[in-house]
């Protein structure tokens, strides 16, 4: 497994699939419907304007196993210096301790 910066949309489809699996099968995201491809463009733009990192964990075969990022916690002035940390793993890679690598990659 290799950590990498995901500042472009190369892995956007894989990230979208991971997001949508979490939307349908967990309470990790407060969306009621799966996200669209267009939503990833806005998501990457929000990360870039933050500026917040997006760190991916890629297998030796080039598959995205998971990703982590920071983002705005709340838009109110009192939360100006507070961020939210998000970490998502593809369901096939959960339970292997890989989230620790992602946590270390964004610190």
PDB file of N, CA and C in Angstrom:
ATOM      1  N   UNK A   1       0.846  -1.181   0.000  1.00  0.00           N
ATOM      2  CA  UNK A   1       0.000   0.000   0.000  1.00  0.00           C
ATOM      3  C   UNK A   1       0.891   1.244   0.000  1.00  0.00           C
ATOM      4  N   UNK A   2       0.422   2.241  -0.687  1.00  0.00           N
ATOM      5  CA  UNK A   2       1.192   3.471  -0.822  1.00  0.00           C
ATOM      6  C   UNK A   2       0.283   4.678  -0.611  1.00  0.00           C
ATOM      7  N   UNK A   3       0.734   5.620   0.233  1.00  0.00           N
ATOM      8  CA  UNK A   3       0.013   6.877   0.430  1.00  0.00           C
ATOM      9  C   UNK A   3       0.312   7.810  -0.723  1.00  0.00           C
ATOM     10  N   UNK A   4      -0.665   8.601  -1.095  1.00  0.00           N
ATOM     11  CA  UNK A   4      -0.473   9.576  -2.167  1.00  0.00           C
ATOM     12  C   UNK A   4      -1.405  10.750  -1.949  1.00  0.00           C
ATOM     13  N   UNK A   5      -1.052  11.864  -2.523  1.00  0.00           N
ATOM     14  CA  UNK A   5      -1.913  13.033  -2.491  1.00  0.00           C
ATOM     15  C   UNK A   5      -2.883  12.940  -3.655  1.00  0.00           C
ATOM     16  N   UNK A   6      -4.139  13.148  -3.390  1.00  0.00           N
ATOM     17  CA  UNK A   6      -5.179  13.100  -4.430  1.00  0.00           C
ATOM     18  C   UNK A   6      -5.681  14.506  -4.698  1.00  0.00           C
ATOM     19  N   UNK A   7      -4.910  15.308  -5.374  1.00  0.00           N
ATOM     20  CA  UNK A   7      -5.324  16.676  -5.669  1.00  0.00           C
ATOM     21  C   UNK A   7      -6.016  16.774  -7.022  1.00  0.00           C
ATOM     22  N   UNK A   8      -6.025  15.694  -7.780  1.00  0.00           N
ATOM     23  CA  UNK A   8      -6.726  15.705  -9.055  1.00  0.00           C
ATOM     24  C   UNK A   8      -7.879  14.712  -8.985  1.00  0.00           C
ATOM     25  N   UNK A   9      -8.560  14.534 -10.062  1.00  0.00           N
ATOM     26  CA  UNK A   9      -9.747  13.692 -10.054  1.00  0.00           C
ATOM     27  C   UNK A   9      -9.471  12.269 -10.562  1.00  0.00           C
ATOM     28  N   UNK A  10      -8.228  11.860 -10.591  1.00  0.00           N
ATOM     29  CA  UNK A  10      -7.875  10.529 -11.103  1.00  0.00           C
ATOM     30  C   UNK A  10      -8.637   9.413 -10.401  1.00  0.00           C
ATOM     31  N   UNK A  11      -8.808   9.529  -9.102  1.00  0.00           N
ATOM     32  CA  UNK A  11      -9.499   8.502  -8.325  1.00  0.00           C
ATOM     33  C   UNK A  11     -10.924   8.926  -7.943  1.00  0.00           C
ATOM     34  N   UNK A  12     -11.468   9.921  -8.623  1.00  0.00           N
ATOM     35  CA  UNK A  12     -12.803  10.438  -8.266  1.00  0.00           C
ATOM     36  C   UNK A  12     -13.877   9.360  -8.351  1.00  0.00           C
ATOM     37  N   UNK A  13     -13.835   8.510  -9.370  1.00  0.00           N
ATOM     38  CA  UNK A  13     -14.850   7.460  -9.498  1.00  0.00           C
ATOM     39  C   UNK A  13     -14.764   6.469  -8.344  1.00  0.00           C
ATOM     40  N   UNK A  14     -13.548   6.097  -7.959  1.00  0.00           N
ATOM     41  CA  UNK A  14     -13.368   5.168  -6.836  1.00  0.00           C
ATOM     42  C   UNK A  14     -13.822   5.816  -5.531  1.00  0.00           C
ATOM     43  N   UNK A  15     -13.513   7.092  -5.341  1.00  0.00           N
ATOM     44  CA  UNK A  15     -13.960   7.806  -4.146  1.00  0.00           C
ATOM     45  C   UNK A  15     -15.477   7.890  -4.106  1.00  0.00           C
ATOM     46  N   UNK A  16     -16.076   8.172  -5.248  1.00  0.00           N
ATOM     47  CA  UNK A  16     -17.532   8.253  -5.324  1.00  0.00           C
ATOM     48  C   UNK A  16     -18.165   6.909  -4.943  1.00  0.00           C
ATOM     49  N   UNK A  17     -17.600   5.825  -5.407  1.00  0.00           N
ATOM     50  CA  UNK A  17     -18.127   4.498  -5.066  1.00  0.00           C
ATOM     51  C   UNK A  17     -18.007   4.235  -3.561  1.00  0.00           C
ATOM     52  N   UNK A  18     -16.897   4.655  -2.968  1.00  0.00           N
ATOM     53  CA  UNK A  18     -16.699   4.481  -1.523  1.00  0.00           C
ATOM     54  C   UNK A  18     -17.697   5.352  -0.753  1.00  0.00           C
ATOM     55  N   UNK A  19     -17.846   6.604  -1.167  1.00  0.00           N
ATOM     56  CA  UNK A  19     -18.846   7.488  -0.543  1.00  0.00           C
ATOM     57  C   UNK A  19     -20.241   6.866  -0.621  1.00  0.00           C
ATOM     58  N   UNK A  20     -20.626   6.440  -1.803  1.00  0.00           N
ATOM     59  CA  UNK A  20     -21.987   5.947  -1.993  1.00  0.00           C
ATOM     60  C   UNK A  20     -22.247   4.657  -1.231  1.00  0.00           C
ATOM     61  N   UNK A  21     -21.265   3.808  -1.103  1.00  0.00           N
ATOM     62  CA  UNK A  21     -21.431   2.604  -0.290  1.00  0.00           C
ATOM     63  C   UNK A  21     -21.670   2.999   1.164  1.00  0.00           C
ATOM     64  N   UNK A  22     -20.940   4.007   1.633  1.00  0.00           N
ATOM     65  CA  UNK A  22     -21.114   4.484   3.010  1.00  0.00           C
ATOM     66  C   UNK A  22     -22.484   5.140   3.210  1.00  0.00           C
ATOM     67  N   UNK A  23     -22.967   5.854   2.210  1.00  0.00           N
ATOM     68  CA  UNK A  23     -24.287   6.486   2.301  1.00  0.00           C
ATOM     69  C   UNK A  23     -25.376   5.431   2.435  1.00  0.00           C
ATOM     70  N   UNK A  24     -25.289   4.398   1.637  1.00  0.00           N
ATOM     71  CA  UNK A  24     -26.327   3.366   1.609  1.00  0.00           C
ATOM     72  C   UNK A  24     -26.253   2.422   2.812  1.00  0.00           C
ATOM     73  N   UNK A  25     -25.028   2.132   3.296  1.00  0.00           N
ATOM     74  CA  UNK A  25     -24.867   1.074   4.292  1.00  0.00           C
ATOM     75  C   UNK A  25     -24.360   1.519   5.659  1.00  0.00           C
ATOM     76  N   UNK A  26     -24.273   2.820   5.905  1.00  0.00           N
ATOM     77  CA  UNK A  26     -23.773   3.272   7.202  1.00  0.00           C
ATOM     78  C   UNK A  26     -24.425   4.589   7.594  1.00  0.00           C
ATOM     79  N   UNK A  27     -24.010   5.104   8.728  1.00  0.00           N
ATOM     80  CA  UNK A  27     -24.457   6.426   9.158  1.00  0.00           C
ATOM     81  C   UNK A  27     -23.291   7.418   9.138  1.00  0.00           C
ATOM     82  N   UNK A  28     -22.253   7.106   8.393  1.00  0.00           N
ATOM     83  CA  UNK A  28     -21.067   7.962   8.341  1.00  0.00           C
ATOM     84  C   UNK A  28     -21.324   9.281   7.620  1.00  0.00           C
ATOM     85  N   UNK A  29     -22.245   9.274   6.692  1.00  0.00           N
ATOM     86  CA  UNK A  29     -22.583  10.480   5.936  1.00  0.00           C
ATOM     87  C   UNK A  29     -24.065  10.780   6.132  1.00  0.00           C
ATOM     88  N   UNK A  30     -24.397  12.057   6.168  1.00  0.00           N
ATOM     89  CA  UNK A  30     -25.789  12.452   6.368  1.00  0.00           C
ATOM     90  C   UNK A  30     -26.487  12.749   5.054  1.00  0.00           C
ATOM     91  N   UNK A  31     -26.161  12.003   4.027  1.00  0.00           N
ATOM     92  CA  UNK A  31     -26.855  12.096   2.749  1.00  0.00           C
ATOM     93  C   UNK A  31     -27.923  11.006   2.720  1.00  0.00           C
ATOM     94  N   UNK A  32     -29.019  11.278   2.031  1.00  0.00           N
ATOM     95  CA  UNK A  32     -30.081  10.283   1.898  1.00  0.00           C
ATOM     96  C   UNK A  32     -30.026   9.555   0.561  1.00  0.00           C
ATOM     97  N   UNK A  33     -29.364  10.164  -0.395  1.00  0.00           N
ATOM     98  CA  UNK A  33     -29.264   9.572  -1.726  1.00  0.00           C
ATOM     99  C   UNK A  33     -27.806   9.509  -2.143  1.00  0.00           C
ATOM    100  N   UNK A  34     -27.443   8.513  -2.940  1.00  0.00           N
ATOM    101  CA  UNK A  34     -26.068   8.447  -3.448  1.00  0.00           C
ATOM    102  C   UNK A  34     -25.685   9.736  -4.166  1.00  0.00           C
ATOM    103  N   UNK A  35     -24.428  10.056  -4.091  1.00  0.00           N
ATOM    104  CA  UNK A  35     -23.914  11.258  -4.754  1.00  0.00           C
ATOM    105  C   UNK A  35     -23.714  10.992  -6.240  1.00  0.00           C
ATOM    106  N   UNK A  36     -23.602  12.081  -6.988  1.00  0.00           N
ATOM    107  CA  UNK A  36     -23.393  11.992  -8.433  1.00  0.00           C
ATOM    108  C   UNK A  36     -21.941  12.288  -8.779  1.00  0.00           C
ATOM    109  N   UNK A  37     -21.565  11.990 -10.010  1.00  0.00           N
ATOM    110  CA  UNK A  37     -20.215  12.321 -10.483  1.00  0.00           C
ATOM    111  C   UNK A  37     -19.964  13.825 -10.384  1.00  0.00           C
ATOM    112  N   UNK A  38     -20.971  14.618 -10.694  1.00  0.00           N
ATOM    113  CA  UNK A  38     -20.835  16.074 -10.634  1.00  0.00           C
ATOM    114  C   UNK A  38     -20.519  16.550  -9.225  1.00  0.00           C
ATOM    115  N   UNK A  39     -20.999  15.847  -8.222  1.00  0.00           N
ATOM    116  CA  UNK A  39     -20.734  16.263  -6.848  1.00  0.00           C
ATOM    117  C   UNK A  39     -19.252  16.154  -6.496  1.00  0.00           C
ATOM    118  N   UNK A  40     -18.538  15.268  -7.165  1.00  0.00           N
ATOM    119  CA  UNK A  40     -17.109  15.120  -6.882  1.00  0.00           C
ATOM    120  C   UNK A  40     -16.330  16.342  -7.350  1.00  0.00           C
ATOM    121  N   UNK A  41     -16.765  16.970  -8.421  1.00  0.00           N
ATOM    122  CA  UNK A  41     -16.105  18.188  -8.897  1.00  0.00           C
ATOM    123  C   UNK A  41     -16.198  19.268  -7.827  1.00  0.00           C
ATOM    124  N   UNK A  42     -17.380  19.447  -7.262  1.00  0.00           N
ATOM    125  CA  UNK A  42     -17.558  20.435  -6.199  1.00  0.00           C
ATOM    126  C   UNK A  42     -16.788  20.038  -4.952  1.00  0.00           C
ATOM    127  N   UNK A  43     -16.733  18.755  -4.638  1.00  0.00           N
ATOM    128  CA  UNK A  43     -16.013  18.267  -3.460  1.00  0.00           C
ATOM    129  C   UNK A  43     -14.516  18.567  -3.579  1.00  0.00           C
ATOM    130  N   UNK A  44     -13.925  18.255  -4.735  1.00  0.00           N
ATOM    131  CA  UNK A  44     -12.510  18.553  -4.950  1.00  0.00           C
ATOM    132  C   UNK A  44     -12.254  20.063  -4.911  1.00  0.00           C
ATOM    133  N   UNK A  45     -13.161  20.853  -5.461  1.00  0.00           N
ATOM    134  CA  UNK A  45     -12.998  22.311  -5.443  1.00  0.00           C
ATOM    135  C   UNK A  45     -13.032  22.842  -4.014  1.00  0.00           C
ATOM    136  N   UNK A  46     -13.917  22.316  -3.182  1.00  0.00           N
ATOM    137  CA  UNK A  46     -13.998  22.747  -1.780  1.00  0.00           C
ATOM    138  C   UNK A  46     -12.721  22.388  -1.032  1.00  0.00           C
ATOM    139  N   UNK A  47     -12.171  21.212  -1.302  1.00  0.00           N
ATOM    140  CA  UNK A  47     -10.915  20.809  -0.649  1.00  0.00           C
ATOM    141  C   UNK A  47      -9.773  21.726  -1.089  1.00  0.00           C
ATOM    142  N   UNK A  48      -9.712  22.022  -2.368  1.00  0.00           N
ATOM    143  CA  UNK A  48      -8.638  22.879  -2.884  1.00  0.00           C
ATOM    144  C   UNK A  48      -8.732  24.293  -2.337  1.00  0.00           C
ATOM    145  N   UNK A  49      -9.946  24.829  -2.185  1.00  0.00           N
ATOM    146  CA  UNK A  49     -10.096  26.194  -1.700  1.00  0.00           C
ATOM    147  C   UNK A  49      -9.883  26.295  -0.201  1.00  0.00           C
ATOM    148  N   UNK A  50      -9.922  25.175   0.509  1.00  0.00           N
ATOM    149  CA  UNK A  50      -9.781  25.126   1.976  1.00  0.00           C
ATOM    150  C   UNK A  50      -8.542  25.779   2.531  1.00  0.00           C
ATOM    151  N   UNK A  51      -7.355  25.540   2.145  1.00  0.00           N
ATOM    152  CA  UNK A  51      -6.956  24.356   1.390  1.00  0.00           C
ATOM    153  C   UNK A  51      -6.821  23.155   2.327  1.00  0.00           C
ATOM    154  N   UNK A  52      -7.465  22.062   1.963  1.00  0.00           N
ATOM    155  CA  UNK A  52      -7.445  20.852   2.769  1.00  0.00           C
ATOM    156  C   UNK A  52      -6.846  19.704   1.957  1.00  0.00           C
ATOM    157  N   UNK A  53      -6.027  18.888   2.592  1.00  0.00           N
ATOM    158  CA  UNK A  53      -5.429  17.766   1.856  1.00  0.00           C
ATOM    159  C   UNK A  53      -6.429  16.631   1.628  1.00  0.00           C
ATOM    160  N   UNK A  54      -6.206  15.902   0.570  1.00  0.00           N
ATOM    161  CA  UNK A  54      -6.902  14.647   0.311  1.00  0.00           C
ATOM    162  C   UNK A  54      -5.811  13.613   0.111  1.00  0.00           C
ATOM    163  N   UNK A  55      -5.781  12.631   0.997  1.00  0.00           N
ATOM    164  CA  UNK A  55      -4.742  11.607   0.960  1.00  0.00           C
ATOM    165  C   UNK A  55      -5.386  10.281   0.579  1.00  0.00           C
ATOM    166  N   UNK A  56      -4.835   9.619  -0.418  1.00  0.00           N
ATOM    167  CA  UNK A  56      -5.341   8.326  -0.834  1.00  0.00           C
ATOM    168  C   UNK A  56      -4.396   7.215  -0.413  1.00  0.00           C
ATOM    169  N   UNK A  57      -4.937   6.029  -0.282  1.00  0.00           N
ATOM    170  CA  UNK A  57      -4.149   4.829  -0.006  1.00  0.00           C
ATOM    171  C   UNK A  57      -4.383   3.895  -1.177  1.00  0.00           C
ATOM    172  N   UNK A  58      -3.331   3.685  -1.946  1.00  0.00           N
ATOM    173  CA  UNK A  58      -3.424   2.939  -3.191  1.00  0.00           C
ATOM    174  C   UNK A  58      -2.719   1.598  -3.058  1.00  0.00           C
ATOM    175  N   UNK A  59      -3.338   0.562  -3.619  1.00  0.00           N
ATOM    176  CA  UNK A  59      -2.709  -0.757  -3.624  1.00  0.00           C
ATOM    177  C   UNK A  59      -1.578  -0.771  -4.640  1.00  0.00           C
ATOM    178  N   UNK A  60      -0.769  -1.809  -4.602  1.00  0.00           N
ATOM    179  CA  UNK A  60       0.315  -1.947  -5.580  1.00  0.00           C
ATOM    180  C   UNK A  60      -0.228  -2.067  -7.006  1.00  0.00           C
ATOM    181  N   UNK A  61      -1.468  -2.528  -7.130  1.00  0.00           N
ATOM    182  CA  UNK A  61      -2.106  -2.653  -8.443  1.00  0.00           C
ATOM    183  C   UNK A  61      -2.754  -1.349  -8.906  1.00  0.00           C
ATOM    184  N   UNK A  62      -2.684  -0.285  -8.089  1.00  0.00           N
ATOM    185  CA  UNK A  62      -3.237   1.005  -8.459  1.00  0.00           C
ATOM    186  C   UNK A  62      -4.677   1.226  -8.062  1.00  0.00           C
ATOM    187  N   UNK A  63      -5.265   0.306  -7.299  1.00  0.00           N
ATOM    188  CA  UNK A  63      -6.647   0.449  -6.842  1.00  0.00           C
ATOM    189  C   UNK A  63      -6.686   1.309  -5.586  1.00  0.00           C
ATOM    190  N   UNK A  64      -7.680   2.175  -5.478  1.00  0.00           N
ATOM    191  CA  UNK A  64      -7.831   3.014  -4.298  1.00  0.00           C
ATOM    192  C   UNK A  64      -8.471   2.199  -3.177  1.00  0.00           C
ATOM    193  N   UNK A  65      -7.734   1.992  -2.106  1.00  0.00           N
ATOM    194  CA  UNK A  65      -8.243   1.237  -0.952  1.00  0.00           C
ATOM    195  C   UNK A  65      -9.017   2.146  -0.010  1.00  0.00           C
ATOM    196  N   UNK A  66      -8.682   3.429   0.006  1.00  0.00           N
ATOM    197  CA  UNK A  66      -9.366   4.370   0.882  1.00  0.00           C
ATOM    198  C   UNK A  66      -8.787   5.759   0.738  1.00  0.00           C
ATOM    199  N   UNK A  67      -9.393   6.705   1.447  1.00  0.00           N
ATOM    200  CA  UNK A  67      -8.895   8.083   1.402  1.00  0.00           C
ATOM    201  C   UNK A  67      -9.298   8.811   2.671  1.00  0.00           C
ATOM    202  N   UNK A  68      -8.606   9.905   2.935  1.00  0.00           N
ATOM    203  CA  UNK A  68      -8.866  10.734   4.109  1.00  0.00           C
ATOM    204  C   UNK A  68      -8.699  12.195   3.709  1.00  0.00           C
ATOM    205  N   UNK A  69      -9.409  13.058   4.422  1.00  0.00           N
ATOM    206  CA  UNK A  69      -9.277  14.492   4.157  1.00  0.00           C
ATOM    207  C   UNK A  69      -9.758  15.294   5.355  1.00  0.00           C
ATOM    208  N   UNK A  70      -9.456  16.575   5.315  1.00  0.00           N
ATOM    209  CA  UNK A  70      -9.997  17.535   6.261  1.00  0.00           C
ATOM    210  C   UNK A  70     -11.023  18.387   5.527  1.00  0.00           C
ATOM    211  N   UNK A  71     -11.875  19.040   6.284  1.00  0.00           N
ATOM    212  CA  UNK A  71     -12.840  19.938   5.691  1.00  0.00           C
ATOM    213  C   UNK A  71     -13.371  20.894   6.737  1.00  0.00           C
ATOM    214  N   UNK A  72     -14.114  21.874   6.289  1.00  0.00           N
ATOM    215  CA  UNK A  72     -14.721  22.843   7.186  1.00  0.00           C
ATOM    216  C   UNK A  72     -15.716  22.135   8.095  1.00  0.00           C
ATOM    217  N   UNK A  73     -15.621  22.382   9.395  1.00  0.00           N
ATOM    218  CA  UNK A  73     -16.539  21.743  10.345  1.00  0.00           C
ATOM    219  C   UNK A  73     -17.890  22.418  10.323  1.00  0.00           C
ATOM    220  N   UNK A  74     -17.908  23.703  10.553  1.00  0.00           N
ATOM    221  CA  UNK A  74     -19.136  24.498  10.477  1.00  0.00           C
ATOM    222  C   UNK A  74     -18.764  25.846   9.886  1.00  0.00           C
ATOM    223  N   UNK A  75     -19.682  26.453   9.203  1.00  0.00           N
ATOM    224  CA  UNK A  75     -19.395  27.711   8.497  1.00  0.00           C
ATOM    225  C   UNK A  75     -19.466  28.949   9.385  1.00  0.00           C
ATOM    226  N   UNK A  76     -19.799  28.803  10.657  1.00  0.00           N
ATOM    227  CA  UNK A  76     -19.926  29.953  11.545  1.00  0.00           C
ATOM    228  C   UNK A  76     -18.569  30.467  11.983  1.00  0.00           C
ATOM    229  N   UNK A  77     -18.440  31.775  12.238  1.00  0.00           N
ATOM    230  CA  UNK A  77     -17.154  32.374  12.606  1.00  0.00           C
ATOM    231  C   UNK A  77     -16.473  31.706  13.803  1.00  0.00           C
ATOM    232  N   UNK A  78     -17.223  31.272  14.787  1.00  0.00           N
ATOM    233  CA  UNK A  78     -16.619  30.673  15.978  1.00  0.00           C
ATOM    234  C   UNK A  78     -15.895  29.362  15.666  1.00  0.00           C
ATOM    235  N   UNK A  79     -16.217  28.736  14.542  1.00  0.00           N
ATOM    236  CA  UNK A  79     -15.581  27.474  14.154  1.00  0.00           C
ATOM    237  C   UNK A  79     -14.480  27.682  13.118  1.00  0.00           C
ATOM    238  N   UNK A  80     -14.051  28.890  12.953  1.00  0.00           N
ATOM    239  CA  UNK A  80     -13.075  29.233  11.920  1.00  0.00           C
ATOM    240  C   UNK A  80     -11.815  28.375  11.956  1.00  0.00           C
ATOM    241  N   UNK A  81     -11.357  28.014  13.135  1.00  0.00           N
ATOM    242  CA  UNK A  81     -10.118  27.244  13.259  1.00  0.00           C
ATOM    243  C   UNK A  81     -10.370  25.781  13.609  1.00  0.00           C
ATOM    244  N   UNK A  82     -11.592  25.327  13.409  1.00  0.00           N
ATOM    245  CA  UNK A  82     -11.960  23.945  13.696  1.00  0.00           C
ATOM    246  C   UNK A  82     -12.177  23.219  12.376  1.00  0.00           C
ATOM    247  N   UNK A  83     -11.622  22.025  12.271  1.00  0.00           N
ATOM    248  CA  UNK A  83     -11.810  21.248  11.052  1.00  0.00           C
ATOM    249  C   UNK A  83     -12.405  19.881  11.371  1.00  0.00           C
ATOM    250  N   UNK A  84     -12.967  19.290  10.354  1.00  0.00           N
ATOM    251  CA  UNK A  84     -13.515  17.944  10.442  1.00  0.00           C
ATOM    252  C   UNK A  84     -12.562  17.014   9.691  1.00  0.00           C
ATOM    253  N   UNK A  85     -12.308  15.863  10.244  1.00  0.00           N
ATOM    254  CA  UNK A  85     -11.460  14.876   9.588  1.00  0.00           C
ATOM    255  C   UNK A  85     -12.337  13.713   9.142  1.00  0.00           C
ATOM    256  N   UNK A  86     -12.192  13.320   7.903  1.00  0.00           N
ATOM    257  CA  UNK A  86     -12.976  12.212   7.370  1.00  0.00           C
ATOM    258  C   UNK A  86     -12.041  11.145   6.826  1.00  0.00           C
ATOM    259  N   UNK A  87     -12.437   9.909   7.020  1.00  0.00           N
ATOM    260  CA  UNK A  87     -11.632   8.777   6.568  1.00  0.00           C
ATOM    261  C   UNK A  87     -12.593   7.701   6.070  1.00  0.00           C
ATOM    262  N   UNK A  88     -12.351   7.217   4.865  1.00  0.00           N
ATOM    263  CA  UNK A  88     -13.214   6.204   4.261  1.00  0.00           C
ATOM    264  C   UNK A  88     -12.359   5.104   3.650  1.00  0.00           C
ATOM    265  N   UNK A  89     -12.746   3.866   3.901  1.00  0.00           N
ATOM    266  CA  UNK A  89     -12.078   2.711   3.306  1.00  0.00           C
ATOM    267  C   UNK A  89     -13.072   1.941   2.443  1.00  0.00           C
ATOM    268  N   UNK A  90     -12.581   1.448   1.332  1.00  0.00           N
ATOM    269  CA  UNK A  90     -13.390   0.553   0.505  1.00  0.00           C
ATOM    270  C   UNK A  90     -13.730  -0.666   1.353  1.00  0.00           C
ATOM    271  N   UNK A  91     -14.926  -1.176   1.211  1.00  0.00           N
ATOM    272  CA  UNK A  91     -15.383  -2.280   2.064  1.00  0.00           C
ATOM    273  C   UNK A  91     -14.469  -3.501   2.005  1.00  0.00           C
ATOM    274  N   UNK A  92     -13.795  -3.736   0.906  1.00  0.00           N
ATOM    275  CA  UNK A  92     -12.910  -4.895   0.778  1.00  0.00           C
ATOM    276  C   UNK A  92     -11.618  -4.745   1.585  1.00  0.00           C
ATOM    277  N   UNK A  93     -11.329  -3.522   2.040  1.00  0.00           N
ATOM    278  CA  UNK A  93     -10.066  -3.273   2.751  1.00  0.00           C
ATOM    279  C   UNK A  93     -10.254  -2.928   4.224  1.00  0.00           C
ATOM    280  N   UNK A  94     -11.467  -3.019   4.717  1.00  0.00           N
ATOM    281  CA  UNK A  94     -11.716  -2.710   6.128  1.00  0.00           C
ATOM    282  C   UNK A  94     -11.227  -3.848   7.024  1.00  0.00           C
ATOM    283  N   UNK A  95     -10.892  -3.484   8.261  1.00  0.00           N
ATOM    284  CA  UNK A  95     -10.467  -4.480   9.237  1.00  0.00           C
ATOM    285  C   UNK A  95      -9.027  -4.931   9.092  1.00  0.00           C
ATOM    286  N   UNK A  96      -8.229  -4.197   8.340  1.00  0.00           N
ATOM    287  CA  UNK A  96      -6.824  -4.559   8.115  1.00  0.00           C
ATOM    288  C   UNK A  96      -5.846  -3.569   8.752  1.00  0.00           C
ATOM    289  N   UNK A  97      -6.364  -2.590   9.479  1.00  0.00           N
ATOM    290  CA  UNK A  97      -5.506  -1.597  10.098  1.00  0.00           C
ATOM    291  C   UNK A  97      -5.021  -0.514   9.149  1.00  0.00           C
ATOM    292  N   UNK A  98      -5.627  -0.414   7.983  1.00  0.00           N
ATOM    293  CA  UNK A  98      -5.174   0.559   6.987  1.00  0.00           C
ATOM    294  C   UNK A  98      -5.551   1.989   7.339  1.00  0.00           C
ATOM    295  N   UNK A  99      -6.569   2.168   8.144  1.00  0.00           N
ATOM    296  CA  UNK A  99      -6.968   3.526   8.513  1.00  0.00           C
ATOM    297  C   UNK A  99      -5.856   4.237   9.277  1.00  0.00           C
ATOM    298  N   UNK A 100      -5.049   3.492   9.996  1.00  0.00           N
ATOM    299  CA  UNK A 100      -3.919   4.100  10.724  1.00  0.00           C
ATOM    300  C   UNK A 100      -2.952   4.768   9.747  1.00  0.00           C
ATOM    301  N   UNK A 101      -2.709   4.138   8.607  1.00  0.00           N
ATOM    302  CA  UNK A 101      -1.822   4.733   7.601  1.00  0.00           C
ATOM    303  C   UNK A 101      -2.408   6.035   7.075  1.00  0.00           C
ATOM    304  N   UNK A 102      -3.709   6.048   6.840  1.00  0.00           N
ATOM    305  CA  UNK A 102      -4.346   7.279   6.364  1.00  0.00           C
ATOM    306  C   UNK A 102      -4.313   8.375   7.420  1.00  0.00           C
ATOM    307  N   UNK A 103      -4.535   8.013   8.677  1.00  0.00           N
ATOM    308  CA  UNK A 103      -4.486   9.004   9.749  1.00  0.00           C
ATOM    309  C   UNK A 103      -3.096   9.627   9.845  1.00  0.00           C
ATOM    310  N   UNK A 104      -2.076   8.825   9.712  1.00  0.00           N
ATOM    311  CA  UNK A 104      -0.720   9.353   9.770  1.00  0.00           C
ATOM    312  C   UNK A 104      -0.393  10.192   8.541  1.00  0.00           C
ATOM    313  N   UNK A 105      -1.011   9.875   7.419  1.00  0.00           N
ATOM    314  CA  UNK A 105      -0.751  10.602   6.186  1.00  0.00           C
ATOM    315  C   UNK A 105      -1.303  12.003   6.163  1.00  0.00           C
ATOM    316  N   UNK A 106      -2.354  12.286   6.925  1.00  0.00           N
ATOM    317  CA  UNK A 106      -2.932  13.633   6.915  1.00  0.00           C
ATOM    318  C   UNK A 106      -2.444  14.464   8.090  1.00  0.00           C
ATOM    319  N   UNK A 107      -1.632  13.916   8.939  1.00  0.00           N
ATOM    320  CA  UNK A 107      -1.104  14.693  10.077  1.00  0.00           C
ATOM    321  C   UNK A 107       0.213  15.340   9.743  1.00  0.00           C
TER     322      UNK A 107
END
